[in-house]
Amino acid sequence: MTKSVQHWPGGIPTSIQPHPESDLSWDDIKEEVKVWLLFVQRNWVSEVNAGASSDGEYELNHRRHLVEKWASATQEFRDSYQSNAPVGLLGTGEANFESDNGLDYPAEALERLHDTAQPTNSNSLISLAPVDESHTINRARWVKFVILLYNYDIETGHCLDDNHLPSEAISNPAPTTNPSVEDYLHWEYLETASFGDIYLTHTGTVLYLGNLGPYMLVDERGLQSGRLTEVEYEINGTVKESVEIRPFNMEMPYSRISNAFHGIRNTEGAHRHENQPLDMDLPIVDILCQAKAQDTNHMQLTGSMELCDREQWTSDVELYAPGYLALEAEGRGGEYPLTSLAAPCSVGAVQKEVMRRVLDPSFSHPRFSFVSPGQFS
């Protein structure tokens, strides 16, 4: 069953604020959060003991209650825990040899965390902008954006390997501001009071110690300009590093994600000159053709995209998104169901016409050379 998005009723309370500092050592972090862990340990009440109805959300609501209570408490109240926190408290390390990292919540406070997590795939593209059917312009751009994550050079496939279906971070309706990249960790972890990913300090502020990225996010500005934001965060939720990348440039940057963010910025496809804004209101093949037409210095298109043309890209779109071009021609591109997109494994063996051309012995190009598969056999 598909999990539903979790929204803190009325929005995240204003009393809950990020920690002002991000440059904390591991020992500093343990010292900051040990009183919070003691507070959770002393105040956690199981669903059975609370006599609550089993609706599947008791733990979620209880976690939120504890977070808000600690964040909105007086400093005198929090200091009372500071002076009483024992050295061997589960979560503070030192005297607790069973703790792996000194940041352990009580086991009962971690129940149903997965069940109430936000329904996103951290390895896929995630839209922060509203892209449902009621936002027709965003939806049309979003569908094109997702289709453009496939390969449009001489190879078939998808820039994100098998993670071709995107996610949506449906924002809380209570705040009136448009969601931005800066808000993502608050939505992903704070709205669900995800213990183990968030910790509160002795002054009541929030630290994020879960997955800090890199994430692939696109907000409304990114939908307009045809660029997602590859982003990594600090432990207080602020942006540490970010780079804007065209969707069809993501193959090499995505392959470097596991090597930390510093391996992405200087990767082919992630350079600034390769990621000039696109006009996402053009038909999808025109977007690719315009990118090629603007590449007068042969520096903006990555890999072998320069060898492709309108005919090849039209064939590519039909391969990756069967039926999309017909809908787009009717002005209904935003109605295309993303579940109809081709699975990358189903198109990987398809040889493009452009590949047949470059493998011809008579092929020549001033910036490309290709070795025939049988040349060294």
Protein backbone atom coordinates (compact mmCIF):
# COMPACT_ATOMS: atom_id res chain seq x y z
CA MET A 1 0.00 0.00 0.00
CA THR A 2 1.31 3.45 -0.92
CA LYS A 3 2.22 5.56 2.09
CA SER A 4 0.54 8.93 2.45
CA VAL A 5 2.37 12.21 2.91
CA GLN A 6 2.62 13.40 6.50
CA HIS A 7 1.78 17.01 7.37
CA TRP A 8 2.15 18.50 10.83
CA PRO A 9 -1.37 19.84 11.51
CA GLY A 10 -1.31 23.61 11.13
CA GLY A 11 2.32 23.54 10.02
CA ILE A 12 5.52 23.02 12.02
CA PRO A 13 5.19 25.16 15.19
CA THR A 14 7.29 28.32 15.11
CA SER A 15 8.83 27.40 18.46
CA ILE A 16 10.78 24.63 16.68
CA GLN A 17 13.86 26.25 15.16
CA PRO A 18 17.07 24.90 13.57
CA HIS A 19 20.27 25.01 15.57
CA PRO A 20 22.19 28.21 14.75
CA GLU A 21 25.51 26.39 14.29
CA SER A 22 26.53 23.63 11.90
CA ASP A 23 30.20 23.20 12.80
CA LEU A 24 29.89 20.79 15.72
CA SER A 25 32.17 17.89 16.58
CA TRP A 26 30.76 14.48 17.39
CA ASP A 27 31.47 15.04 21.07
CA ASP A 28 29.75 18.45 20.88
CA ILE A 29 26.69 16.84 19.30
CA LYS A 30 26.47 14.13 21.98
CA GLU A 31 26.75 16.74 24.70
CA GLU A 32 24.08 18.89 23.06
CA VAL A 33 21.49 16.11 22.69
CA LYS A 34 21.99 13.91 25.75
CA VAL A 35 19.40 15.84 27.81
CA TRP A 36 16.87 15.56 24.98
CA LEU A 37 17.38 11.80 24.90
CA LEU A 38 16.87 11.64 28.66
CA PHE A 39 13.67 13.68 28.28
CA VAL A 40 12.37 11.25 25.64
CA GLN A 41 13.32 8.26 27.75
CA ARG A 42 11.46 9.59 30.81
CA ASN A 43 8.39 10.84 28.92
CA TRP A 44 7.75 8.20 26.28
CA VAL A 45 4.41 6.48 26.85
CA SER A 46 3.59 3.43 24.76
CA GLU A 47 0.32 3.17 22.89
CA VAL A 48 -0.87 0.42 25.24
CA ASN A 49 -0.08 2.37 28.40
CA ALA A 50 -1.68 5.48 26.95
CA GLY A 51 -4.87 3.58 26.21
CA ALA A 52 -4.89 5.10 22.72
CA SER A 53 -6.82 3.73 19.78
CA SER A 54 -4.68 1.77 17.35
CA ASP A 55 -4.93 4.11 14.36
CA GLY A 56 -1.31 3.73 13.28
CA GLU A 57 -0.45 7.33 14.06
CA TYR A 58 -0.11 7.32 17.84
CA GLU A 59 3.70 7.17 17.75
CA LEU A 60 3.85 9.92 15.10
CA ASN A 61 1.67 12.26 17.16
CA HIS A 62 3.49 11.41 20.39
CA ARG A 63 6.87 12.15 18.80
CA ARG A 64 5.56 15.50 17.55
CA HIS A 65 4.19 16.28 21.00
CA LEU A 66 7.55 15.65 22.67
CA VAL A 67 9.43 17.70 20.06
CA GLU A 68 7.10 20.68 20.51
CA LYS A 69 7.11 20.39 24.30
CA TRP A 70 10.91 20.41 24.47
CA ALA A 71 11.35 23.20 21.92
CA SER A 72 8.77 25.47 23.58
CA ALA A 73 9.85 24.78 27.17
CA THR A 74 11.68 27.31 29.31
CA GLN A 75 15.44 27.02 29.43
CA GLU A 76 15.11 26.43 33.16
CA PHE A 77 13.04 23.32 32.42
CA ARG A 78 15.60 22.01 29.93
CA ASP A 79 18.49 22.82 32.28
CA SER A 80 16.86 20.66 34.93
CA TYR A 81 17.47 17.69 32.65
CA GLN A 82 20.99 18.87 31.88
CA SER A 83 21.97 18.66 35.54
CA ASN A 84 20.30 15.26 35.98
CA ALA A 85 21.56 13.50 32.84
CA PRO A 86 23.70 10.55 34.02
CA VAL A 87 27.00 9.83 32.29
CA GLY A 88 25.91 6.33 31.34
CA LEU A 89 22.56 7.33 29.85
CA LEU A 90 21.66 5.33 26.77
CA GLY A 91 22.57 7.72 24.00
CA THR A 92 25.50 9.54 25.62
CA GLY A 93 28.19 6.98 24.86
CA GLU A 94 31.19 6.71 27.27
CA ALA A 95 29.74 4.33 29.89
CA ASN A 96 27.40 2.58 27.46
CA PHE A 97 29.35 -0.03 25.50
CA GLU A 98 26.27 -1.30 23.64
CA SER A 99 25.80 2.02 21.86
CA ASP A 100 27.29 2.24 18.37
CA ASN A 101 27.39 6.01 18.15
CA GLY A 102 26.20 7.49 21.41
CA LEU A 103 22.97 8.83 19.90
CA ASP A 104 20.46 6.08 20.59
CA TYR A 105 16.80 6.74 21.23
CA PRO A 106 14.84 4.37 23.48
CA ALA A 107 13.76 1.44 21.30
CA GLU A 108 10.05 1.95 21.99
CA ALA A 109 10.27 5.52 20.67
CA LEU A 110 11.42 4.21 17.29
CA GLU A 111 8.39 2.06 16.58
CA ARG A 112 6.55 2.67 13.28
CA LEU A 113 9.10 5.20 12.07
CA HIS A 114 9.12 3.59 8.65
CA ASP A 115 5.33 3.46 8.49
CA THR A 116 5.04 7.21 9.02
CA ALA A 117 8.03 8.30 6.89
CA GLN A 118 7.44 10.61 3.97
CA PRO A 119 6.72 8.72 0.70
CA THR A 120 9.81 9.70 -1.28
CA ASN A 121 12.70 7.89 -2.92
CA SER A 122 15.94 9.65 -2.01
CA ASN A 123 17.62 8.16 -5.10
CA SER A 124 15.09 9.66 -7.51
CA LEU A 125 14.22 13.15 -8.65
CA ILE A 126 11.96 14.86 -6.09
CA SER A 127 9.67 17.76 -6.95
CA LEU A 128 9.20 20.42 -4.31
CA ALA A 129 6.86 22.38 -6.57
CA PRO A 130 3.18 21.43 -6.73
CA VAL A 131 2.80 19.29 -9.85
CA ASP A 132 -0.67 17.81 -9.49
CA GLU A 133 -3.32 18.17 -12.17
CA SER A 134 -4.62 21.42 -10.66
CA HIS A 135 -1.27 23.11 -11.41
CA THR A 136 -1.42 22.66 -15.17
CA ILE A 137 1.66 24.68 -16.15
CA ASN A 138 3.85 23.04 -13.50
CA ARG A 139 2.48 19.62 -14.45
CA ALA A 140 3.29 20.06 -18.14
CA ARG A 141 6.83 21.16 -17.30
CA TRP A 142 7.23 18.35 -14.78
CA VAL A 143 6.30 15.64 -17.27
CA LYS A 144 8.85 17.00 -19.77
CA PHE A 145 11.46 17.30 -17.02
CA VAL A 146 11.03 13.65 -16.04
CA ILE A 147 11.20 12.44 -19.66
CA LEU A 148 14.37 14.48 -20.20
CA LEU A 149 16.14 12.41 -17.51
CA TYR A 150 16.67 9.66 -20.08
CA ASN A 151 19.76 9.53 -22.31
CA TYR A 152 19.74 11.72 -25.40
CA ASP A 153 23.23 10.94 -26.68
CA ILE A 154 24.15 7.87 -28.75
CA GLU A 155 23.29 5.48 -25.90
CA THR A 156 19.87 4.41 -24.69
CA GLY A 157 18.99 4.27 -21.03
CA HIS A 158 18.30 6.56 -18.08
CA CYS A 159 20.58 9.00 -16.27
CA LEU A 160 19.42 7.71 -12.87
CA ASP A 161 19.75 4.02 -13.72
CA ASP A 162 16.57 2.28 -12.55
CA ASN A 163 15.23 5.22 -10.52
CA HIS A 164 13.22 6.58 -13.44
CA LEU A 165 9.99 7.22 -11.54
CA PRO A 166 10.17 10.49 -9.58
CA SER A 167 8.82 11.46 -6.17
CA GLU A 168 6.79 14.45 -5.02
CA ALA A 169 7.32 16.28 -1.74
CA ILE A 170 3.76 17.51 -1.32
CA SER A 171 4.12 20.54 0.90
CA ASN A 172 2.12 21.29 4.03
CA PRO A 173 -0.85 23.47 3.04
CA ALA A 174 -0.59 25.58 6.21
CA PRO A 175 2.48 27.73 5.27
CA THR A 176 1.81 30.26 2.49
CA THR A 177 5.33 30.40 1.05
CA ASN A 178 6.42 28.37 -1.96
CA PRO A 179 8.56 25.39 -0.91
CA SER A 180 12.25 25.76 -1.73
CA VAL A 181 15.39 23.64 -1.58
CA GLU A 182 16.17 25.17 1.81
CA ASP A 183 12.97 23.63 3.23
CA TYR A 184 13.46 20.04 2.20
CA LEU A 185 14.91 18.45 5.36
CA HIS A 186 12.21 20.12 7.44
CA TRP A 187 9.60 18.41 5.26
CA GLU A 188 11.40 15.07 5.08
CA TYR A 189 12.32 14.61 8.75
CA LEU A 190 10.92 17.35 10.99
CA GLU A 191 7.28 17.10 9.87
CA THR A 192 7.32 13.42 10.83
CA ALA A 193 9.41 14.01 13.99
CA SER A 194 11.66 11.25 12.68
CA PHE A 195 13.67 10.19 15.73
CA GLY A 196 17.09 9.02 14.63
CA ASP A 197 17.12 11.63 11.86
CA ILE A 198 16.36 14.63 14.08
CA TYR A 199 17.68 15.43 17.54
CA LEU A 200 16.99 18.42 19.75
CA THR A 201 19.66 20.28 21.66
CA HIS A 202 19.77 21.46 25.28
CA THR A 203 18.51 24.86 24.05
CA GLY A 204 15.59 23.30 22.17
CA THR A 205 16.90 23.69 18.61
CA VAL A 206 16.97 20.99 15.93
CA LEU A 207 19.90 19.03 14.49
CA TYR A 208 19.59 16.75 11.46
CA LEU A 209 21.75 13.64 11.69
CA GLY A 210 20.09 11.42 9.10
CA ASN A 211 20.67 11.43 5.35
CA LEU A 212 22.06 14.88 4.48
CA GLY A 213 22.27 14.17 0.76
CA PRO A 214 23.07 14.62 -1.97
CA TYR A 215 19.43 14.88 -3.04
CA MET A 216 18.07 15.71 -6.50
CA LEU A 217 15.40 18.36 -6.02
CA VAL A 218 13.46 20.63 -8.35
CA ASP A 219 11.46 23.61 -7.14
CA GLU A 220 9.20 25.90 -9.18
CA ARG A 221 12.14 27.98 -10.39
CA GLY A 222 13.91 24.79 -11.47
CA LEU A 223 10.86 23.65 -13.41
CA GLN A 224 10.88 26.93 -15.29
CA SER A 225 14.59 26.85 -16.13
CA GLY A 226 14.91 23.10 -16.71
CA ARG A 227 17.48 22.48 -13.97
CA LEU A 228 17.31 20.33 -10.89
CA THR A 229 19.36 21.16 -7.81
CA GLU A 230 21.85 18.60 -6.56
CA VAL A 231 22.12 19.52 -2.89
CA GLU A 232 23.82 18.44 0.32
CA TYR A 233 22.89 19.83 3.74
CA GLU A 234 24.58 20.84 6.98
CA ILE A 235 23.49 19.23 10.25
CA ASN A 236 21.32 22.25 11.06
CA GLY A 237 19.39 21.88 7.81
CA THR A 238 21.03 24.71 5.89
CA VAL A 239 22.45 24.13 2.41
CA LYS A 240 26.08 23.04 2.44
CA GLU A 241 26.68 22.59 -1.28
CA SER A 242 24.44 22.82 -4.33
CA VAL A 243 24.72 22.78 -8.11
CA GLU A 244 22.06 23.20 -10.82
CA ILE A 245 22.03 20.53 -13.54
CA ARG A 246 19.96 19.94 -16.67
CA PRO A 247 18.08 16.63 -16.43
CA PHE A 248 19.76 15.04 -19.47
CA ASN A 249 23.19 15.88 -17.99
CA MET A 250 22.70 13.77 -14.86
CA GLU A 251 24.32 10.49 -15.90
CA MET A 252 27.87 11.28 -14.74
CA PRO A 253 26.89 13.39 -11.68
CA TYR A 254 24.53 10.62 -10.55
CA SER A 255 27.28 8.03 -10.81
CA ARG A 256 29.40 10.14 -8.44
CA ILE A 257 26.75 10.61 -5.75
CA SER A 258 28.11 7.73 -3.68
CA ASN A 259 31.54 9.41 -3.68
CA ALA A 260 30.30 12.47 -1.73
CA PHE A 261 29.42 15.89 -3.07
CA HIS A 262 32.94 17.09 -3.84
CA GLY A 263 33.08 14.45 -6.57
CA ILE A 264 30.06 15.92 -8.35
CA ARG A 265 30.81 19.60 -8.88
CA ASN A 266 33.79 18.95 -11.16
CA THR A 267 32.16 16.08 -13.06
CA GLU A 268 31.17 16.23 -16.73
CA GLY A 269 27.55 17.35 -16.84
CA ALA A 270 27.73 19.41 -13.64
CA HIS A 271 29.78 22.36 -14.88
CA ARG A 272 28.04 25.72 -14.99
CA HIS A 273 28.67 26.25 -18.71
CA GLU A 274 26.91 22.92 -19.43
CA ASN A 275 23.80 23.93 -17.55
CA GLN A 276 22.43 27.15 -18.98
CA PRO A 277 18.66 27.69 -18.50
CA LEU A 278 16.24 25.89 -20.81
CA ASP A 279 12.84 27.06 -22.00
CA MET A 280 10.60 24.40 -20.50
CA ASP A 281 7.50 25.78 -22.20
CA LEU A 282 8.76 24.64 -25.61
CA PRO A 283 7.73 21.24 -26.98
CA ILE A 284 10.10 18.62 -25.59
CA VAL A 285 12.05 17.96 -28.81
CA ASP A 286 12.39 21.71 -29.37
CA ILE A 287 13.99 22.00 -25.91
CA LEU A 288 16.73 19.62 -27.00
CA CYS A 289 17.12 21.27 -30.39
CA GLN A 290 17.34 24.73 -28.85
CA ALA A 291 20.04 23.52 -26.47
CA LYS A 292 22.01 22.26 -29.45
CA ALA A 293 21.47 25.47 -31.44
CA GLN A 294 22.76 27.57 -28.53
CA ASP A 295 25.87 25.42 -28.17
CA THR A 296 27.89 27.50 -30.61
CA ASN A 297 31.17 26.93 -28.76
CA HIS A 298 30.63 23.15 -28.46
CA MET A 299 30.91 23.29 -24.67
CA GLN A 300 27.31 23.07 -23.44
CA LEU A 301 26.19 19.63 -24.65
CA THR A 302 27.75 16.72 -22.81
CA GLY A 303 29.07 13.46 -24.20
CA SER A 304 27.89 12.63 -27.69
CA MET A 305 24.64 14.63 -27.66
CA GLU A 306 26.12 16.89 -30.32
CA LEU A 307 25.93 13.98 -32.79
CA CYS A 308 22.16 13.71 -32.42
CA ASP A 309 19.45 15.67 -34.21
CA ARG A 310 15.72 16.33 -34.18
CA GLU A 311 14.93 13.05 -35.90
CA GLN A 312 16.93 11.04 -33.37
CA TRP A 313 15.49 12.90 -30.38
CA THR A 314 11.95 12.44 -31.67
CA SER A 315 12.64 8.71 -31.86
CA ASP A 316 14.16 8.80 -28.35
CA VAL A 317 11.11 10.46 -26.78
CA GLU A 318 8.77 7.98 -28.44
CA LEU A 319 10.93 5.11 -27.14
CA TYR A 320 11.11 6.40 -23.59
CA ALA A 321 7.59 7.84 -23.30
CA PRO A 322 5.34 5.99 -25.76
CA GLY A 323 2.42 8.17 -26.81
CA TYR A 324 3.68 11.36 -25.17
CA LEU A 325 4.36 13.27 -28.41
CA ALA A 326 0.81 12.70 -29.64
CA LEU A 327 -0.62 14.08 -26.39
CA GLU A 328 1.77 17.03 -26.49
CA ALA A 329 0.69 17.86 -30.05
CA GLU A 330 -2.86 18.15 -28.72
CA GLY A 331 -1.74 20.48 -25.93
CA ARG A 332 -2.28 17.75 -23.33
CA GLY A 333 1.29 16.77 -22.49
CA GLY A 334 0.67 17.33 -18.79
CA GLU A 335 -1.90 14.52 -18.85
CA TYR A 336 0.73 11.91 -19.71
CA PRO A 337 0.83 9.21 -16.99
CA LEU A 338 4.38 8.81 -15.72
CA THR A 339 3.69 5.15 -15.04
CA SER A 340 3.73 4.69 -18.84
CA LEU A 341 7.41 5.61 -19.02
CA ALA A 342 9.67 2.85 -20.28
CA ALA A 343 11.65 1.00 -17.62
CA PRO A 344 15.36 1.61 -18.34
CA CYS A 345 16.06 -2.13 -18.44
CA SER A 346 13.51 -2.55 -21.24
CA VAL A 347 15.22 -0.08 -23.60
CA GLY A 348 18.89 -0.63 -22.78
CA ALA A 349 19.48 -3.02 -25.66
CA VAL A 350 17.87 -0.78 -28.30
CA GLN A 351 20.46 0.56 -30.74
CA LYS A 352 19.83 4.10 -31.90
CA GLU A 353 20.12 5.15 -35.52
CA VAL A 354 22.87 7.60 -34.57
CA MET A 355 24.88 4.70 -33.12
CA ARG A 356 24.61 2.84 -36.41
CA ARG A 357 25.96 5.93 -38.19
CA VAL A 358 28.98 6.40 -35.95
CA LEU A 359 29.89 2.72 -36.18
CA ASP A 360 30.02 2.99 -39.98
CA PRO A 361 33.70 2.84 -41.09
CA SER A 362 33.19 5.95 -43.19
CA PHE A 363 32.01 8.04 -40.21
CA SER A 364 34.20 11.01 -39.29
CA HIS A 365 33.82 13.93 -36.90
CA PRO A 366 36.39 16.53 -35.80
CA ARG A 367 35.65 16.01 -32.07
CA PHE A 368 34.64 12.34 -31.92
CA SER A 369 36.24 9.07 -32.90
CA PHE A 370 34.79 5.59 -32.39
CA VAL A 371 36.37 2.17 -32.46
CA SER A 372 34.53 -0.55 -34.35
CA PRO A 373 33.56 -3.40 -31.98
CA GLY A 374 35.49 -5.88 -34.11
CA GLN A 375 38.61 -3.76 -34.64
CA PHE A 376 40.69 -5.53 -31.97
CA SER A 377 39.14 -8.99 -32.24
